[in-house]
């Protein structure tokens, strides 16, 4: 009961935080969202288990890439990240650290290059239509809930046994169906029902693929959650993992249907 209460209060706090951020002006939304999401890069860097300095560098590199995307200078941001990581490596790597060099550099580079370009699309979705950001959150929330409930009740055939031992084909199919149905709420904003079914189905599909991809990092690190930053829910990375693939797919689907 205590754990359920903690999870519920944390969830309500997260909802309030997300809604509050979406009500900010452009600069405020981008800055606060970038700082909050940079914690996911910090957590992923920790899962890769490089030295602490490289883990912090993952956070810095993430912010550099996010702002370079915002101001349409991604190539310059890319070069800054590569040079910064290289210089930091040269000045901080001693003989005793050489054996873990690949792990250190991976901690600094993999998280920002996985998370920044994809999570930047959350900002693009919001800047185009705040309602669409609420819609993708609703779709993924319903899809994840359906996957959990149906997987727990009927799941017998494992889909990603190494990455996510509890995920099943039964839960996966339920997520696609309920995600598509949830997207029908888009008709309230003038979107066609057929378009929304397609958007919901495809978004749910990529959300269900994003989750186990992130889980592989946790399995490799031998941990259940990316961190304990959010009581009862793990870390920031655990909360946004479904959006790694889903956010850009959702954004470009709406571009295709001309919305």
C-alpha atoms as a PDB file:
ATOM      1  CA  UNK A   1       0.000   0.000   0.000  1.00  0.00           C
ATOM      2  CA  UNK A   2       2.845   2.369   0.877  1.00  0.00           C
ATOM      3  CA  UNK A   3       4.598   1.644  -2.429  1.00  0.00           C
ATOM      4  CA  UNK A   4       1.356   2.232  -4.349  1.00  0.00           C
ATOM      5  CA  UNK A   5       0.881   5.565  -2.567  1.00  0.00           C
ATOM      6  CA  UNK A   6       4.435   6.631  -3.373  1.00  0.00           C
ATOM      7  CA  UNK A   7       4.007   5.682  -7.043  1.00  0.00           C
ATOM      8  CA  UNK A   8       0.683   7.526  -7.233  1.00  0.00           C
ATOM      9  CA  UNK A   9       2.033  10.717  -5.645  1.00  0.00           C
ATOM     10  CA  UNK A  10       5.096  10.628  -7.890  1.00  0.00           C
ATOM     11  CA  UNK A  11       2.904  10.134 -10.971  1.00  0.00           C
ATOM     12  CA  UNK A  12       0.718  13.083  -9.990  1.00  0.00           C
ATOM     13  CA  UNK A  13       3.820  15.183  -9.447  1.00  0.00           C
ATOM     14  CA  UNK A  14       5.155  14.235 -12.878  1.00  0.00           C
ATOM     15  CA  UNK A  15       1.831  15.097 -14.513  1.00  0.00           C
ATOM     16  CA  UNK A  16       1.794  18.487 -12.803  1.00  0.00           C
ATOM     17  CA  UNK A  17       5.414  19.088 -13.883  1.00  0.00           C
ATOM     18  CA  UNK A  18       4.738  18.170 -17.520  1.00  0.00           C
ATOM     19  CA  UNK A  19       1.591  20.301 -17.728  1.00  0.00           C
ATOM     20  CA  UNK A  20       3.371  23.201 -16.056  1.00  0.00           C
ATOM     21  CA  UNK A  21       6.294  23.037 -18.487  1.00  0.00           C
ATOM     22  CA  UNK A  22       3.982  22.930 -21.514  1.00  0.00           C
ATOM     23  CA  UNK A  23       2.380  26.203 -20.403  1.00  0.00           C
ATOM     24  CA  UNK A  24       5.705  28.055 -20.501  1.00  0.00           C
ATOM     25  CA  UNK A  25       6.744  30.277 -23.420  1.00  0.00           C
ATOM     26  CA  UNK A  26       9.072  28.842 -26.043  1.00  0.00           C
ATOM     27  CA  UNK A  27      12.388  29.667 -24.369  1.00  0.00           C
ATOM     28  CA  UNK A  28      11.175  28.539 -20.944  1.00  0.00           C
ATOM     29  CA  UNK A  29       9.806  25.253 -22.250  1.00  0.00           C
ATOM     30  CA  UNK A  30      12.964  24.448 -24.192  1.00  0.00           C
ATOM     31  CA  UNK A  31      15.370  25.281 -21.356  1.00  0.00           C
ATOM     32  CA  UNK A  32      13.454  23.512 -18.576  1.00  0.00           C
ATOM     33  CA  UNK A  33      12.666  20.466 -20.742  1.00  0.00           C
ATOM     34  CA  UNK A  34      16.308  20.226 -21.877  1.00  0.00           C
ATOM     35  CA  UNK A  35      17.628  20.354 -18.321  1.00  0.00           C
ATOM     36  CA  UNK A  36      15.091  17.774 -17.140  1.00  0.00           C
ATOM     37  CA  UNK A  37      15.752  15.425 -20.054  1.00  0.00           C
ATOM     38  CA  UNK A  38      19.515  15.822 -19.673  1.00  0.00           C
ATOM     39  CA  UNK A  39      19.136  13.737 -16.518  1.00  0.00           C
ATOM     40  CA  UNK A  40      18.290  10.810 -18.807  1.00  0.00           C
ATOM     41  CA  UNK A  41      21.681  11.237 -20.517  1.00  0.00           C
ATOM     42  CA  UNK A  42      23.318  11.305 -17.076  1.00  0.00           C
ATOM     43  CA  UNK A  43      21.557   8.068 -16.162  1.00  0.00           C
ATOM     44  CA  UNK A  44      22.446   6.314 -19.415  1.00  0.00           C
ATOM     45  CA  UNK A  45      26.059   7.357 -18.960  1.00  0.00           C
ATOM     46  CA  UNK A  46      25.928   5.738 -15.542  1.00  0.00           C
ATOM     47  CA  UNK A  47      24.553   2.515 -16.998  1.00  0.00           C
ATOM     48  CA  UNK A  48      27.464   2.345 -19.419  1.00  0.00           C
ATOM     49  CA  UNK A  49      29.641   2.791 -16.312  1.00  0.00           C
ATOM     50  CA  UNK A  50      32.339   5.145 -17.497  1.00  0.00           C
ATOM     51  CA  UNK A  51      34.204   7.282 -14.990  1.00  0.00           C
ATOM     52  CA  UNK A  52      32.112   9.963 -13.271  1.00  0.00           C
ATOM     53  CA  UNK A  53      33.698  12.774 -15.268  1.00  0.00           C
ATOM     54  CA  UNK A  54      32.613  11.168 -18.537  1.00  0.00           C
ATOM     55  CA  UNK A  55      29.147  10.589 -17.115  1.00  0.00           C
ATOM     56  CA  UNK A  56      28.886  14.321 -16.407  1.00  0.00           C
ATOM     57  CA  UNK A  57      30.234  14.982 -19.891  1.00  0.00           C
ATOM     58  CA  UNK A  58      27.304  12.985 -21.309  1.00  0.00           C
ATOM     59  CA  UNK A  59      24.966  15.519 -19.696  1.00  0.00           C
ATOM     60  CA  UNK A  60      26.963  18.467 -21.075  1.00  0.00           C
ATOM     61  CA  UNK A  61      27.156  16.929 -24.541  1.00  0.00           C
ATOM     62  CA  UNK A  62      23.407  16.332 -24.491  1.00  0.00           C
ATOM     63  CA  UNK A  63      22.720  20.001 -23.766  1.00  0.00           C
ATOM     64  CA  UNK A  64      25.169  21.101 -26.477  1.00  0.00           C
ATOM     65  CA  UNK A  65      23.428  18.930 -29.069  1.00  0.00           C
ATOM     66  CA  UNK A  66      19.962  20.050 -27.954  1.00  0.00           C
ATOM     67  CA  UNK A  67      20.837  23.727 -28.285  1.00  0.00           C
ATOM     68  CA  UNK A  68      22.643  23.175 -31.591  1.00  0.00           C
ATOM     69  CA  UNK A  69      19.481  21.497 -32.898  1.00  0.00           C
ATOM     70  CA  UNK A  70      17.355  24.353 -31.589  1.00  0.00           C
ATOM     71  CA  UNK A  71      19.433  26.969 -33.409  1.00  0.00           C
ATOM     72  CA  UNK A  72      19.944  24.862 -36.577  1.00  0.00           C
ATOM     73  CA  UNK A  73      23.706  24.447 -36.115  1.00  0.00           C
ATOM     74  CA  UNK A  74      23.819  20.724 -35.411  1.00  0.00           C
ATOM     75  CA  UNK A  75      27.043  20.196 -37.393  1.00  0.00           C
ATOM     76  CA  UNK A  76      28.840  22.735 -35.189  1.00  0.00           C
ATOM     77  CA  UNK A  77      27.371  21.136 -32.084  1.00  0.00           C
ATOM     78  CA  UNK A  78      28.524  17.731 -33.304  1.00  0.00           C
ATOM     79  CA  UNK A  79      32.079  19.030 -33.774  1.00  0.00           C
ATOM     80  CA  UNK A  80      32.116  20.717 -30.354  1.00  0.00           C
ATOM     81  CA  UNK A  81      30.987  17.480 -28.675  1.00  0.00           C
ATOM     82  CA  UNK A  82      33.643  15.395 -30.456  1.00  0.00           C
ATOM     83  CA  UNK A  83      36.435  17.883 -29.723  1.00  0.00           C
ATOM     84  CA  UNK A  84      35.356  18.400 -26.108  1.00  0.00           C
ATOM     85  CA  UNK A  85      35.215  14.662 -25.467  1.00  0.00           C
ATOM     86  CA  UNK A  86      38.580  14.126 -27.135  1.00  0.00           C
ATOM     87  CA  UNK A  87      40.312  16.879 -25.153  1.00  0.00           C
ATOM     88  CA  UNK A  88      38.792  15.725 -21.870  1.00  0.00           C
ATOM     89  CA  UNK A  89      39.960  12.192 -22.610  1.00  0.00           C
ATOM     90  CA  UNK A  90      43.514  13.320 -23.328  1.00  0.00           C
ATOM     91  CA  UNK A  91      43.846  15.342 -20.124  1.00  0.00           C
ATOM     92  CA  UNK A  92      42.160  12.899 -17.725  1.00  0.00           C
ATOM     93  CA  UNK A  93      43.184   9.435 -18.896  1.00  0.00           C
ATOM     94  CA  UNK A  94      46.082   7.944 -17.010  1.00  0.00           C
ATOM     95  CA  UNK A  95      47.793   4.569 -17.425  1.00  0.00           C
ATOM     96  CA  UNK A  96      45.369   2.982 -14.967  1.00  0.00           C
ATOM     97  CA  UNK A  97      42.393   4.252 -17.010  1.00  0.00           C
ATOM     98  CA  UNK A  98      43.435   3.035 -20.471  1.00  0.00           C
ATOM     99  CA  UNK A  99      41.750  -0.336 -20.062  1.00  0.00           C
ATOM    100  CA  UNK A 100      38.373   1.362 -19.531  1.00  0.00           C
ATOM    101  CA  UNK A 101      38.880   4.037 -22.206  1.00  0.00           C
ATOM    102  CA  UNK A 102      36.237   2.701 -24.612  1.00  0.00           C
ATOM    103  CA  UNK A 103      33.712   2.544 -21.794  1.00  0.00           C
ATOM    104  CA  UNK A 104      34.547   6.100 -20.709  1.00  0.00           C
ATOM    105  CA  UNK A 105      34.147   7.564 -24.189  1.00  0.00           C
ATOM    106  CA  UNK A 106      30.984   5.535 -24.757  1.00  0.00           C
ATOM    107  CA  UNK A 107      29.532   7.010 -21.554  1.00  0.00           C
ATOM    108  CA  UNK A 108      30.139  10.513 -22.887  1.00  0.00           C
ATOM    109  CA  UNK A 109      28.998  10.026 -26.490  1.00  0.00           C
ATOM    110  CA  UNK A 110      26.348   7.303 -26.745  1.00  0.00           C
ATOM    111  CA  UNK A 111      23.697   8.895 -24.454  1.00  0.00           C
ATOM    112  CA  UNK A 112      23.615  12.342 -26.137  1.00  0.00           C
ATOM    113  CA  UNK A 113      23.691  10.965 -29.674  1.00  0.00           C
ATOM    114  CA  UNK A 114      20.841   8.544 -28.904  1.00  0.00           C
ATOM    115  CA  UNK A 115      18.711  10.894 -26.838  1.00  0.00           C
ATOM    116  CA  UNK A 116      19.227  14.459 -28.096  1.00  0.00           C
ATOM    117  CA  UNK A 117      18.084  14.140 -31.748  1.00  0.00           C
ATOM    118  CA  UNK A 118      15.088  12.016 -30.856  1.00  0.00           C
ATOM    119  CA  UNK A 119      13.986  13.860 -27.729  1.00  0.00           C
ATOM    120  CA  UNK A 120      14.386  17.164 -29.591  1.00  0.00           C
ATOM    121  CA  UNK A 121      11.287  16.072 -31.467  1.00  0.00           C
ATOM    122  CA  UNK A 122       9.312  16.429 -28.251  1.00  0.00           C
ATOM    123  CA  UNK A 123      10.091  20.127 -28.487  1.00  0.00           C
ATOM    124  CA  UNK A 124       9.143  20.176 -32.181  1.00  0.00           C
ATOM    125  CA  UNK A 125       5.818  18.497 -31.416  1.00  0.00           C
ATOM    126  CA  UNK A 126       5.068  21.006 -28.662  1.00  0.00           C
ATOM    127  CA  UNK A 127       6.084  24.018 -30.753  1.00  0.00           C
ATOM    128  CA  UNK A 128       3.818  22.905 -33.601  1.00  0.00           C
ATOM    129  CA  UNK A 129       0.770  22.107 -31.474  1.00  0.00           C
ATOM    130  CA  UNK A 130       0.729  21.721 -27.709  1.00  0.00           C
ATOM    131  CA  UNK A 131      -2.280  19.418 -28.025  1.00  0.00           C
ATOM    132  CA  UNK A 132      -0.219  16.981 -30.096  1.00  0.00           C
ATOM    133  CA  UNK A 133       2.231  16.629 -27.214  1.00  0.00           C
ATOM    134  CA  UNK A 134      -0.671  15.768 -24.907  1.00  0.00           C
ATOM    135  CA  UNK A 135      -1.879  13.319 -27.542  1.00  0.00           C
ATOM    136  CA  UNK A 136       1.366  11.365 -27.829  1.00  0.00           C
ATOM    137  CA  UNK A 137       1.608  11.173 -24.032  1.00  0.00           C
ATOM    138  CA  UNK A 138      -1.962   9.855 -23.915  1.00  0.00           C
ATOM    139  CA  UNK A 139      -1.345   7.298 -26.678  1.00  0.00           C
ATOM    140  CA  UNK A 140       1.832   5.934 -25.108  1.00  0.00           C
ATOM    141  CA  UNK A 141       0.339   5.881 -21.602  1.00  0.00           C
ATOM    142  CA  UNK A 142      -2.676   3.876 -22.783  1.00  0.00           C
ATOM    143  CA  UNK A 143      -0.510   1.559 -24.898  1.00  0.00           C
ATOM    144  CA  UNK A 144       1.909   0.885 -22.021  1.00  0.00           C
ATOM    145  CA  UNK A 145      -0.952   0.248 -19.597  1.00  0.00           C
ATOM    146  CA  UNK A 146      -2.608  -2.164 -22.021  1.00  0.00           C
ATOM    147  CA  UNK A 147       0.692  -3.967 -22.608  1.00  0.00           C
ATOM    148  CA  UNK A 148       1.185  -4.376 -18.867  1.00  0.00           C
ATOM    149  CA  UNK A 149      -2.357  -5.521 -18.055  1.00  0.00           C
ATOM    150  CA  UNK A 150      -2.771  -7.933 -20.963  1.00  0.00           C
ATOM    151  CA  UNK A 151       0.799  -9.154 -20.669  1.00  0.00           C
ATOM    152  CA  UNK A 152       0.326  -9.886 -16.972  1.00  0.00           C
ATOM    153  CA  UNK A 153      -3.016 -11.627 -17.491  1.00  0.00           C
ATOM    154  CA  UNK A 154      -2.543 -13.442 -20.798  1.00  0.00           C
ATOM    155  CA  UNK A 155       1.158 -13.193 -21.652  1.00  0.00           C
ATOM    156  CA  UNK A 156       2.670 -16.564 -22.520  1.00  0.00           C
ATOM    157  CA  UNK A 157       4.839 -15.915 -25.569  1.00  0.00           C
ATOM    158  CA  UNK A 158       7.910 -13.783 -24.826  1.00  0.00           C
ATOM    159  CA  UNK A 159       8.895 -11.213 -27.423  1.00  0.00           C
ATOM    160  CA  UNK A 160      12.194  -9.823 -26.104  1.00  0.00           C
ATOM    161  CA  UNK A 161      13.322 -12.356 -23.480  1.00  0.00           C
ATOM    162  CA  UNK A 162      16.821 -10.906 -23.135  1.00  0.00           C
ATOM    163  CA  UNK A 163      15.911  -7.206 -23.020  1.00  0.00           C
ATOM    164  CA  UNK A 164      12.511  -7.402 -21.302  1.00  0.00           C
ATOM    165  CA  UNK A 165      11.712 -10.870 -19.903  1.00  0.00           C
ATOM    166  CA  UNK A 166       8.181  -9.852 -18.883  1.00  0.00           C
ATOM    167  CA  UNK A 167       7.128  -8.455 -22.268  1.00  0.00           C
ATOM    168  CA  UNK A 168       4.948 -10.760 -24.342  1.00  0.00           C
ATOM    169  CA  UNK A 169       3.414 -10.842 -27.786  1.00  0.00           C
ATOM    170  CA  UNK A 170      -0.022 -10.705 -26.160  1.00  0.00           C
ATOM    171  CA  UNK A 171       0.841  -7.460 -24.370  1.00  0.00           C
ATOM    172  CA  UNK A 172       2.552  -6.109 -27.490  1.00  0.00           C
ATOM    173  CA  UNK A 173      -0.554  -6.630 -29.647  1.00  0.00           C
ATOM    174  CA  UNK A 174      -2.772  -5.131 -26.943  1.00  0.00           C
ATOM    175  CA  UNK A 175      -0.555  -2.029 -26.884  1.00  0.00           C
ATOM    176  CA  UNK A 176      -0.945  -1.542 -30.649  1.00  0.00           C
ATOM    177  CA  UNK A 177      -4.726  -1.935 -30.533  1.00  0.00           C
ATOM    178  CA  UNK A 178      -5.351   0.274 -27.506  1.00  0.00           C
ATOM    179  CA  UNK A 179      -2.809   2.847 -28.666  1.00  0.00           C
ATOM    180  CA  UNK A 180      -4.647   3.135 -31.976  1.00  0.00           C
ATOM    181  CA  UNK A 181      -7.991   3.466 -30.197  1.00  0.00           C
ATOM    182  CA  UNK A 182      -6.577   6.105 -27.837  1.00  0.00           C
ATOM    183  CA  UNK A 183      -5.448   8.166 -30.817  1.00  0.00           C
ATOM    184  CA  UNK A 184      -9.050   8.475 -32.016  1.00  0.00           C
ATOM    185  CA  UNK A 185      -9.373  11.254 -29.424  1.00  0.00           C
ATOM    186  CA  UNK A 186      -7.567  13.333 -32.037  1.00  0.00           C
ATOM    187  CA  UNK A 187     -10.873  13.789 -33.873  1.00  0.00           C
ATOM    188  CA  UNK A 188     -11.701  16.359 -31.184  1.00  0.00           C
ATOM    189  CA  UNK A 189      -9.079  18.575 -32.832  1.00  0.00           C
ATOM    190  CA  UNK A 190     -10.379  17.994 -36.334  1.00  0.00           C
ATOM    191  CA  UNK A 191      -8.133  15.097 -37.352  1.00  0.00           C
ATOM    192  CA  UNK A 192      -9.735  12.289 -39.333  1.00  0.00           C
ATOM    193  CA  UNK A 193     -10.463   9.010 -37.574  1.00  0.00           C
ATOM    194  CA  UNK A 194      -8.572   6.953 -40.150  1.00  0.00           C
ATOM    195  CA  UNK A 195      -5.477   9.126 -39.839  1.00  0.00           C
ATOM    196  CA  UNK A 196      -5.591   8.911 -36.062  1.00  0.00           C
ATOM    197  CA  UNK A 197      -5.860   5.124 -36.096  1.00  0.00           C
ATOM    198  CA  UNK A 198      -2.738   4.944 -38.250  1.00  0.00           C
ATOM    199  CA  UNK A 199      -0.858   7.470 -36.110  1.00  0.00           C
ATOM    200  CA  UNK A 200      -1.838   5.661 -32.903  1.00  0.00           C
ATOM    201  CA  UNK A 201      -0.921   2.227 -34.241  1.00  0.00           C
ATOM    202  CA  UNK A 202       2.494   3.223 -35.610  1.00  0.00           C
ATOM    203  CA  UNK A 203       3.365   5.422 -32.618  1.00  0.00           C
ATOM    204  CA  UNK A 204       2.500   2.583 -30.229  1.00  0.00           C
ATOM    205  CA  UNK A 205       4.568   0.169 -32.317  1.00  0.00           C
ATOM    206  CA  UNK A 206       7.714   2.285 -32.054  1.00  0.00           C
ATOM    207  CA  UNK A 207       7.067   3.056 -28.393  1.00  0.00           C
ATOM    208  CA  UNK A 208       6.979  -0.673 -27.652  1.00  0.00           C
ATOM    209  CA  UNK A 209      10.292  -1.084 -29.492  1.00  0.00           C
ATOM    210  CA  UNK A 210      11.953   1.855 -27.705  1.00  0.00           C
ATOM    211  CA  UNK A 211      11.300   0.466 -24.244  1.00  0.00           C
ATOM    212  CA  UNK A 212      13.211  -2.843 -24.620  1.00  0.00           C
ATOM    213  CA  UNK A 213      16.060  -1.056 -26.396  1.00  0.00           C
ATOM    214  CA  UNK A 214      16.596   1.067 -23.277  1.00  0.00           C
ATOM    215  CA  UNK A 215      16.149  -2.039 -21.153  1.00  0.00           C
ATOM    216  CA  UNK A 216      19.213  -3.586 -22.788  1.00  0.00           C
ATOM    217  CA  UNK A 217      21.354  -0.899 -21.153  1.00  0.00           C
ATOM    218  CA  UNK A 218      19.908  -1.817 -17.757  1.00  0.00           C
ATOM    219  CA  UNK A 219      20.365  -5.538 -18.362  1.00  0.00           C
ATOM    220  CA  UNK A 220      24.000  -4.962 -19.343  1.00  0.00           C
ATOM    221  CA  UNK A 221      24.495  -2.910 -16.169  1.00  0.00           C
ATOM    222  CA  UNK A 222      22.667  -5.492 -14.040  1.00  0.00           C
ATOM    223  CA  UNK A 223      20.126  -3.034 -12.598  1.00  0.00           C
ATOM    224  CA  UNK A 224      16.336  -2.791 -12.554  1.00  0.00           C
ATOM    225  CA  UNK A 225      15.999   0.980 -12.964  1.00  0.00           C
ATOM    226  CA  UNK A 226      18.202   3.632 -14.554  1.00  0.00           C
ATOM    227  CA  UNK A 227      18.248   5.496 -11.201  1.00  0.00           C
ATOM    228  CA  UNK A 228      16.019   6.242  -8.203  1.00  0.00           C
ATOM    229  CA  UNK A 229      15.454   9.919  -8.965  1.00  0.00           C
ATOM    230  CA  UNK A 230      11.664   9.476  -9.181  1.00  0.00           C
ATOM    231  CA  UNK A 231      10.326   7.609  -6.128  1.00  0.00           C
ATOM    232  CA  UNK A 232       8.488   4.461  -7.181  1.00  0.00           C
ATOM    233  CA  UNK A 233       9.205   5.003 -10.884  1.00  0.00           C
ATOM    234  CA  UNK A 234      12.966   4.690 -11.243  1.00  0.00           C
ATOM    235  CA  UNK A 235      14.761   7.349 -13.248  1.00  0.00           C
ATOM    236  CA  UNK A 236      13.995   9.926 -15.907  1.00  0.00           C
ATOM    237  CA  UNK A 237      15.276   7.536 -18.590  1.00  0.00           C
ATOM    238  CA  UNK A 238      12.760   4.932 -17.416  1.00  0.00           C
ATOM    239  CA  UNK A 239       9.934   7.446 -17.905  1.00  0.00           C
ATOM    240  CA  UNK A 240      10.928   8.696 -21.361  1.00  0.00           C
ATOM    241  CA  UNK A 241      12.376   5.529 -22.927  1.00  0.00           C
ATOM    242  CA  UNK A 242       9.249   4.900 -25.028  1.00  0.00           C
ATOM    243  CA  UNK A 243       9.684   8.280 -26.732  1.00  0.00           C
ATOM    244  CA  UNK A 244      13.177   7.572 -28.090  1.00  0.00           C
ATOM    245  CA  UNK A 245      11.712   6.158 -31.303  1.00  0.00           C
ATOM    246  CA  UNK A 246       8.084   7.203 -30.900  1.00  0.00           C
ATOM    247  CA  UNK A 247       8.538  10.992 -30.687  1.00  0.00           C
ATOM    248  CA  UNK A 248      10.231  11.473 -34.088  1.00  0.00           C
ATOM    249  CA  UNK A 249       7.907   8.940 -35.743  1.00  0.00           C
ATOM    250  CA  UNK A 250       4.858  10.731 -34.323  1.00  0.00           C
ATOM    251  CA  UNK A 251       6.151  14.117 -35.484  1.00  0.00           C
ATOM    252  CA  UNK A 252       6.803  13.005 -39.073  1.00  0.00           C
ATOM    253  CA  UNK A 253       3.496  11.152 -39.305  1.00  0.00           C
ATOM    254  CA  UNK A 254       1.715  14.429 -38.673  1.00  0.00           C
ATOM    255  CA  UNK A 255       3.865  16.118 -41.283  1.00  0.00           C
ATOM    256  CA  UNK A 256       2.840  13.429 -43.769  1.00  0.00           C
ATOM    257  CA  UNK A 257      -0.857  13.958 -43.105  1.00  0.00           C
ATOM    258  CA  UNK A 258      -0.357  17.688 -43.383  1.00  0.00           C
ATOM    259  CA  UNK A 259      -1.078  18.657 -39.789  1.00  0.00           C
END
